[in-house]
Amino acid sequence: MEKEVLLTITGTQRFDGDEPETTGLVTEGVMRCEDGAVELSYDETELTGLTGTRTTFRIEGARVILTRTGKLESRMVFAVGQEEQSLYDIGYGALLICVRASSIRSNVGENGGTLQVAYDISIEEESVGEIEYRIEVKPKRK
């Protein structure tokens, strides 16, 4: 099943020594439900600074995979209590990042819902802070 959706995305970054910074984005996207998993995909815009990049959140039960393809290439796997390393290719070179999910909550299904992912992040083996995404999914009205 595939349907067009409206995504309200809120991201909060808490970097060591800085005040929390929250950004928001409302965008159109696509939701796919198959084999017990849900995928939310959207194209980044100038507002996010990632024009030319497609972002996909794949929800597989207690695990979430964040993939970016295009101008920016990355894949991050989130599972509470597990540390995952990956390369974050920004086009000028790649950085080694490590994420450790502290919480994952999702009630996203065919009629929409909410996904929340909070995780600690390290870049090149140095802890830099915590990031949290909250994505509200609503079916697009025609």
N, C-alpha and C. Protein backbone atom coordinates (compact mmCIF):
# COMPACT_ATOMS: atom_id res chain seq x y z
N MET A 1 0.83 -1.17 0.00
CA MET A 1 0.00 0.00 0.00
C MET A 1 0.88 1.24 0.00
N GLU A 2 0.56 2.16 -0.86
CA GLU A 2 1.30 3.42 -0.93
C GLU A 2 0.31 4.57 -0.99
N LYS A 3 0.60 5.64 -0.22
CA LYS A 3 -0.27 6.80 -0.26
C LYS A 3 0.51 8.07 -0.01
N GLU A 4 -0.01 9.16 -0.55
CA GLU A 4 0.60 10.47 -0.32
C GLU A 4 0.20 10.95 1.07
N VAL A 5 1.18 11.55 1.77
CA VAL A 5 0.94 12.00 3.14
C VAL A 5 1.52 13.40 3.33
N LEU A 6 1.08 14.03 4.40
CA LEU A 6 1.64 15.29 4.84
C LEU A 6 2.46 15.00 6.10
N LEU A 7 3.73 15.40 6.08
CA LEU A 7 4.63 15.12 7.20
C LEU A 7 4.97 16.43 7.92
N THR A 8 4.77 16.45 9.22
CA THR A 8 5.18 17.57 10.06
C THR A 8 6.37 17.06 10.87
N ILE A 9 7.55 17.57 10.54
CA ILE A 9 8.79 17.06 11.13
C ILE A 9 9.38 18.11 12.05
N THR A 10 9.64 17.72 13.28
CA THR A 10 10.30 18.59 14.25
C THR A 10 11.59 17.92 14.68
N GLY A 11 12.68 18.64 14.57
CA GLY A 11 13.97 18.12 14.99
C GLY A 11 14.55 19.00 16.07
N THR A 12 15.00 18.39 17.16
CA THR A 12 15.63 19.13 18.25
C THR A 12 17.04 18.60 18.44
N GLN A 13 17.99 19.51 18.41
CA GLN A 13 19.40 19.16 18.60
C GLN A 13 19.88 19.77 19.90
N ARG A 14 20.50 18.94 20.72
CA ARG A 14 21.10 19.40 21.97
C ARG A 14 22.58 19.06 21.90
N PHE A 15 23.38 20.05 21.50
CA PHE A 15 24.82 19.83 21.40
C PHE A 15 25.48 20.28 22.68
N ASP A 16 26.50 19.57 23.09
CA ASP A 16 27.20 19.84 24.33
C ASP A 16 27.58 21.31 24.45
N GLY A 17 27.12 21.94 25.54
CA GLY A 17 27.46 23.32 25.82
C GLY A 17 26.59 24.36 25.14
N ASP A 18 25.67 23.95 24.28
CA ASP A 18 24.80 24.89 23.57
C ASP A 18 23.35 24.74 24.02
N GLU A 19 22.57 25.80 23.81
CA GLU A 19 21.14 25.73 24.05
C GLU A 19 20.50 24.80 23.01
N PRO A 20 19.43 24.08 23.36
CA PRO A 20 18.76 23.23 22.37
C PRO A 20 18.25 24.07 21.20
N GLU A 21 18.33 23.49 20.01
CA GLU A 21 17.86 24.16 18.80
C GLU A 21 16.80 23.29 18.15
N THR A 22 15.62 23.87 17.91
CA THR A 22 14.52 23.13 17.32
C THR A 22 14.18 23.72 15.96
N THR A 23 14.02 22.85 14.97
CA THR A 23 13.61 23.27 13.64
C THR A 23 12.38 22.47 13.24
N GLY A 24 11.59 23.05 12.36
CA GLY A 24 10.38 22.37 11.92
C GLY A 24 10.23 22.44 10.41
N LEU A 25 9.55 21.46 9.87
CA LEU A 25 9.32 21.39 8.43
C LEU A 25 7.99 20.69 8.20
N VAL A 26 7.18 21.25 7.32
CA VAL A 26 5.97 20.58 6.87
C VAL A 26 6.16 20.32 5.39
N THR A 27 6.03 19.07 4.98
CA THR A 27 6.29 18.71 3.59
C THR A 27 5.41 17.55 3.15
N GLU A 28 5.27 17.42 1.86
CA GLU A 28 4.55 16.28 1.31
C GLU A 28 5.50 15.11 1.18
N GLY A 29 4.98 13.92 1.37
CA GLY A 29 5.80 12.73 1.25
C GLY A 29 4.97 11.54 0.84
N VAL A 30 5.58 10.39 0.90
CA VAL A 30 4.93 9.14 0.52
C VAL A 30 5.08 8.15 1.67
N MET A 31 4.01 7.45 1.99
CA MET A 31 4.05 6.39 3.00
C MET A 31 3.78 5.06 2.31
N ARG A 32 4.65 4.10 2.59
CA ARG A 32 4.47 2.75 2.06
C ARG A 32 4.37 1.79 3.24
N CYS A 33 3.38 0.91 3.21
CA CYS A 33 3.22 -0.13 4.23
C CYS A 33 3.34 -1.47 3.52
N GLU A 34 4.34 -2.27 3.94
CA GLU A 34 4.52 -3.58 3.34
C GLU A 34 5.30 -4.50 4.27
N ASP A 35 4.92 -5.74 4.30
CA ASP A 35 5.62 -6.76 5.09
C ASP A 35 5.82 -6.35 6.54
N GLY A 36 4.85 -5.68 7.15
CA GLY A 36 4.93 -5.29 8.55
C GLY A 36 5.79 -4.07 8.81
N ALA A 37 6.34 -3.45 7.77
CA ALA A 37 7.16 -2.25 7.92
C ALA A 37 6.45 -1.06 7.30
N VAL A 38 6.82 0.14 7.76
CA VAL A 38 6.27 1.38 7.22
C VAL A 38 7.44 2.24 6.78
N GLU A 39 7.36 2.79 5.57
CA GLU A 39 8.38 3.71 5.07
C GLU A 39 7.77 5.08 4.85
N LEU A 40 8.47 6.10 5.33
CA LEU A 40 8.08 7.49 5.12
C LEU A 40 9.20 8.15 4.32
N SER A 41 8.90 8.67 3.13
CA SER A 41 9.92 9.28 2.28
C SER A 41 9.51 10.68 1.87
N TYR A 42 10.51 11.55 1.77
CA TYR A 42 10.26 12.91 1.28
C TYR A 42 11.54 13.48 0.69
N ASP A 43 11.37 14.49 -0.15
CA ASP A 43 12.51 15.17 -0.75
C ASP A 43 12.86 16.38 0.09
N GLU A 44 14.14 16.51 0.41
CA GLU A 44 14.63 17.66 1.17
C GLU A 44 14.54 18.92 0.31
N THR A 45 14.55 20.07 0.96
CA THR A 45 14.41 21.34 0.26
C THR A 45 15.54 22.29 0.65
N GLU A 46 15.53 23.47 0.06
CA GLU A 46 16.51 24.51 0.42
C GLU A 46 16.42 24.85 1.90
N LEU A 47 15.21 24.77 2.45
CA LEU A 47 15.00 25.09 3.86
C LEU A 47 15.87 24.24 4.78
N THR A 48 16.06 22.97 4.43
CA THR A 48 16.88 22.08 5.25
C THR A 48 18.35 22.11 4.85
N GLY A 49 18.65 22.74 3.72
CA GLY A 49 20.02 22.78 3.23
C GLY A 49 20.45 21.49 2.55
N LEU A 50 19.50 20.61 2.28
CA LEU A 50 19.83 19.31 1.69
C LEU A 50 19.14 19.09 0.35
N THR A 51 18.96 20.16 -0.43
CA THR A 51 18.32 20.04 -1.73
C THR A 51 19.02 18.94 -2.54
N GLY A 52 18.23 18.13 -3.22
CA GLY A 52 18.80 17.04 -4.01
C GLY A 52 18.96 15.75 -3.23
N THR A 53 18.40 15.71 -2.02
CA THR A 53 18.50 14.53 -1.16
C THR A 53 17.10 14.00 -0.86
N ARG A 54 16.95 12.70 -0.92
CA ARG A 54 15.69 12.04 -0.54
C ARG A 54 15.93 11.37 0.81
N THR A 55 15.04 11.64 1.77
CA THR A 55 15.14 11.07 3.11
C THR A 55 14.04 10.03 3.29
N THR A 56 14.41 8.88 3.86
CA THR A 56 13.44 7.81 4.13
C THR A 56 13.64 7.30 5.55
N PHE A 57 12.55 7.26 6.30
CA PHE A 57 12.52 6.61 7.61
C PHE A 57 11.78 5.28 7.40
N ARG A 58 12.44 4.16 7.72
CA ARG A 58 11.80 2.84 7.63
C ARG A 58 11.60 2.33 9.04
N ILE A 59 10.35 2.09 9.41
CA ILE A 59 10.00 1.63 10.74
C ILE A 59 9.76 0.13 10.68
N GLU A 60 10.59 -0.61 11.39
CA GLU A 60 10.49 -2.08 11.43
C GLU A 60 10.32 -2.50 12.89
N GLY A 61 9.13 -2.35 13.41
CA GLY A 61 8.90 -2.70 14.82
C GLY A 61 9.66 -1.77 15.73
N ALA A 62 10.61 -2.32 16.50
CA ALA A 62 11.38 -1.53 17.47
C ALA A 62 12.65 -0.95 16.85
N ARG A 63 12.79 -1.04 15.54
CA ARG A 63 13.98 -0.53 14.85
C ARG A 63 13.57 0.46 13.78
N VAL A 64 14.35 1.54 13.64
CA VAL A 64 14.10 2.55 12.62
C VAL A 64 15.39 2.75 11.84
N ILE A 65 15.27 2.80 10.51
CA ILE A 65 16.42 3.03 9.65
C ILE A 65 16.20 4.35 8.92
N LEU A 66 17.15 5.26 9.07
CA LEU A 66 17.10 6.56 8.39
C LEU A 66 18.11 6.52 7.25
N THR A 67 17.61 6.68 6.02
CA THR A 67 18.47 6.64 4.84
C THR A 67 18.32 7.94 4.07
N ARG A 68 19.46 8.48 3.64
CA ARG A 68 19.45 9.65 2.77
C ARG A 68 20.21 9.28 1.51
N THR A 69 19.63 9.60 0.35
CA THR A 69 20.26 9.31 -0.93
C THR A 69 20.22 10.56 -1.80
N GLY A 70 21.17 10.66 -2.69
CA GLY A 70 21.26 11.81 -3.58
C GLY A 70 22.49 12.62 -3.26
N LYS A 71 22.30 13.92 -3.10
CA LYS A 71 23.43 14.81 -2.83
C LYS A 71 24.16 14.42 -1.54
N LEU A 72 23.41 13.96 -0.55
CA LEU A 72 23.99 13.50 0.71
C LEU A 72 23.67 12.02 0.85
N GLU A 73 24.64 11.21 1.20
CA GLU A 73 24.44 9.77 1.36
C GLU A 73 24.69 9.37 2.80
N SER A 74 23.70 8.74 3.43
CA SER A 74 23.91 8.23 4.78
C SER A 74 22.87 7.16 5.09
N ARG A 75 23.21 6.34 6.07
CA ARG A 75 22.29 5.31 6.57
C ARG A 75 22.56 5.15 8.05
N MET A 76 21.54 5.39 8.87
CA MET A 76 21.65 5.24 10.31
C MET A 76 20.59 4.28 10.79
N VAL A 77 20.99 3.34 11.65
CA VAL A 77 20.06 2.35 12.19
C VAL A 77 19.88 2.65 13.67
N PHE A 78 18.62 2.76 14.08
CA PHE A 78 18.30 3.06 15.47
C PHE A 78 17.57 1.89 16.11
N ALA A 79 18.12 1.40 17.22
CA ALA A 79 17.49 0.37 18.04
C ALA A 79 17.90 0.70 19.47
N VAL A 80 16.93 0.84 20.37
CA VAL A 80 17.22 1.27 21.73
C VAL A 80 18.29 0.39 22.37
N GLY A 81 19.31 1.07 22.92
CA GLY A 81 20.38 0.37 23.62
C GLY A 81 21.48 -0.16 22.73
N GLN A 82 21.33 -0.04 21.42
CA GLN A 82 22.36 -0.54 20.51
C GLN A 82 23.11 0.62 19.88
N GLU A 83 24.41 0.45 19.75
CA GLU A 83 25.25 1.46 19.12
C GLU A 83 25.49 1.05 17.67
N GLU A 84 25.29 1.97 16.77
CA GLU A 84 25.46 1.69 15.34
C GLU A 84 26.41 2.71 14.73
N GLN A 85 27.40 2.23 13.97
CA GLN A 85 28.33 3.12 13.29
C GLN A 85 28.01 3.15 11.80
N SER A 86 28.24 4.31 11.19
CA SER A 86 28.05 4.42 9.75
C SER A 86 28.86 5.61 9.23
N LEU A 87 28.98 5.66 7.92
CA LEU A 87 29.65 6.78 7.29
C LEU A 87 28.60 7.78 6.84
N TYR A 88 28.88 9.05 7.03
CA TYR A 88 27.99 10.15 6.66
C TYR A 88 28.71 10.92 5.57
N ASP A 89 28.33 10.65 4.31
CA ASP A 89 29.02 11.25 3.17
C ASP A 89 28.36 12.57 2.81
N ILE A 90 29.11 13.67 3.01
CA ILE A 90 28.56 15.00 2.76
C ILE A 90 28.99 15.55 1.39
N GLY A 91 29.54 14.69 0.55
CA GLY A 91 29.93 15.11 -0.78
C GLY A 91 31.37 15.58 -0.87
N TYR A 92 31.94 16.00 0.23
CA TYR A 92 33.33 16.46 0.26
C TYR A 92 34.21 15.46 0.99
N GLY A 93 33.61 14.39 1.43
CA GLY A 93 34.29 13.38 2.23
C GLY A 93 33.28 12.77 3.19
N ALA A 94 33.69 11.73 3.85
CA ALA A 94 32.78 11.03 4.77
C ALA A 94 33.27 11.14 6.20
N LEU A 95 32.31 11.24 7.12
CA LEU A 95 32.61 11.26 8.55
C LEU A 95 32.09 9.97 9.17
N LEU A 96 32.82 9.44 10.14
CA LEU A 96 32.36 8.27 10.87
C LEU A 96 31.47 8.77 12.00
N ILE A 97 30.21 8.32 11.99
CA ILE A 97 29.29 8.71 13.05
C ILE A 97 28.82 7.46 13.78
N CYS A 98 28.48 7.65 15.03
CA CYS A 98 27.98 6.57 15.85
C CYS A 98 26.71 7.07 16.53
N VAL A 99 25.62 6.30 16.43
CA VAL A 99 24.37 6.68 17.06
C VAL A 99 23.96 5.60 18.05
N ARG A 100 23.31 6.04 19.13
CA ARG A 100 22.79 5.14 20.16
C ARG A 100 21.40 5.65 20.53
N ALA A 101 20.37 4.94 20.12
CA ALA A 101 18.99 5.36 20.37
C ALA A 101 18.66 5.25 21.85
N SER A 102 18.08 6.33 22.40
CA SER A 102 17.64 6.30 23.79
C SER A 102 16.14 6.01 23.88
N SER A 103 15.39 6.36 22.82
CA SER A 103 13.97 6.00 22.79
C SER A 103 13.45 6.01 21.36
N ILE A 104 12.52 5.10 21.11
CA ILE A 104 11.82 5.02 19.84
C ILE A 104 10.36 4.77 20.17
N ARG A 105 9.49 5.62 19.65
CA ARG A 105 8.05 5.43 19.85
C ARG A 105 7.37 5.62 18.50
N SER A 106 6.50 4.70 18.15
CA SER A 106 5.78 4.82 16.88
C SER A 106 4.40 4.19 16.98
N ASN A 107 3.44 4.91 16.43
CA ASN A 107 2.11 4.33 16.25
C ASN A 107 1.66 4.57 14.81
N VAL A 108 2.64 4.68 13.90
CA VAL A 108 2.36 4.95 12.49
C VAL A 108 1.78 3.71 11.83
N GLY A 109 0.65 3.91 11.16
CA GLY A 109 -0.02 2.85 10.42
C GLY A 109 -0.67 3.43 9.18
N GLU A 110 -1.54 2.69 8.56
CA GLU A 110 -2.17 3.11 7.31
C GLU A 110 -2.87 4.45 7.38
N ASN A 111 -3.34 4.85 8.57
CA ASN A 111 -4.07 6.11 8.71
C ASN A 111 -3.20 7.23 9.29
N GLY A 112 -1.88 7.02 9.31
CA GLY A 112 -0.97 8.04 9.83
C GLY A 112 -0.51 7.69 11.23
N GLY A 113 -0.12 8.73 11.98
CA GLY A 113 0.36 8.52 13.34
C GLY A 113 1.59 9.36 13.61
N THR A 114 2.35 8.97 14.62
CA THR A 114 3.52 9.73 15.04
C THR A 114 4.71 8.80 15.26
N LEU A 115 5.88 9.25 14.81
CA LEU A 115 7.14 8.56 15.05
C LEU A 115 8.04 9.51 15.83
N GLN A 116 8.63 9.02 16.91
CA GLN A 116 9.61 9.78 17.68
C GLN A 116 10.86 8.92 17.84
N VAL A 117 12.01 9.51 17.52
CA VAL A 117 13.30 8.84 17.68
C VAL A 117 14.24 9.82 18.37
N ALA A 118 14.81 9.41 19.50
CA ALA A 118 15.81 10.22 20.20
C ALA A 118 17.10 9.40 20.26
N TYR A 119 18.22 10.07 19.98
CA TYR A 119 19.49 9.34 19.99
C TYR A 119 20.67 10.25 20.33
N ASP A 120 21.69 9.62 20.91
CA ASP A 120 22.96 10.29 21.16
C ASP A 120 23.81 10.10 19.92
N ILE A 121 24.62 11.10 19.61
CA ILE A 121 25.46 11.02 18.42
C ILE A 121 26.91 11.38 18.74
N SER A 122 27.81 10.60 18.14
CA SER A 122 29.25 10.86 18.22
C SER A 122 29.75 10.99 16.79
N ILE A 123 30.66 11.93 16.59
CA ILE A 123 31.28 12.12 15.28
C ILE A 123 32.77 11.92 15.43
N GLU A 124 33.30 11.00 14.62
CA GLU A 124 34.73 10.68 14.70
C GLU A 124 35.13 10.35 16.14
N GLU A 125 34.28 9.55 16.81
CA GLU A 125 34.51 9.03 18.17
C GLU A 125 34.46 10.10 19.26
N GLU A 126 33.88 11.26 18.97
CA GLU A 126 33.72 12.30 19.98
C GLU A 126 32.23 12.60 20.16
N SER A 127 31.74 12.44 21.39
CA SER A 127 30.33 12.70 21.69
C SER A 127 30.03 14.17 21.44
N VAL A 128 28.94 14.42 20.69
CA VAL A 128 28.59 15.81 20.39
C VAL A 128 27.22 16.22 20.92
N GLY A 129 26.37 15.26 21.26
CA GLY A 129 25.08 15.64 21.82
C GLY A 129 23.98 14.65 21.51
N GLU A 130 22.74 15.17 21.54
CA GLU A 130 21.55 14.34 21.34
C GLU A 130 20.65 14.99 20.31
N ILE A 131 20.02 14.16 19.49
CA ILE A 131 19.09 14.63 18.47
C ILE A 131 17.78 13.88 18.66
N GLU A 132 16.68 14.58 18.46
CA GLU A 132 15.36 13.95 18.53
C GLU A 132 14.53 14.38 17.34
N TYR A 133 13.91 13.40 16.68
CA TYR A 133 12.97 13.67 15.59
C TYR A 133 11.58 13.30 16.04
N ARG A 134 10.62 14.13 15.67
CA ARG A 134 9.21 13.81 15.86
C ARG A 134 8.54 14.05 14.51
N ILE A 135 7.91 13.02 13.99
CA ILE A 135 7.26 13.11 12.68
C ILE A 135 5.80 12.75 12.83
N GLU A 136 4.94 13.72 12.51
CA GLU A 136 3.51 13.47 12.50
C GLU A 136 3.11 13.19 11.06
N VAL A 137 2.39 12.09 10.85
CA VAL A 137 2.01 11.64 9.52
C VAL A 137 0.50 11.74 9.38
N LYS A 138 0.06 12.47 8.35
CA LYS A 138 -1.38 12.58 8.09
C LYS A 138 -1.62 12.29 6.61
N PRO A 139 -2.65 11.47 6.30
CA PRO A 139 -2.98 11.24 4.90
C PRO A 139 -3.29 12.57 4.22
N LYS A 140 -2.82 12.72 3.00
CA LYS A 140 -3.03 13.96 2.24
C LYS A 140 -4.46 13.96 1.72
N ARG A 141 -5.11 15.09 1.91
CA ARG A 141 -6.49 15.23 1.40
C ARG A 141 -6.45 15.60 -0.07
N LYS A 142 -7.33 15.02 -0.80
CA LYS A 142 -7.37 15.29 -2.25
C LYS A 142 -8.38 16.34 -2.58
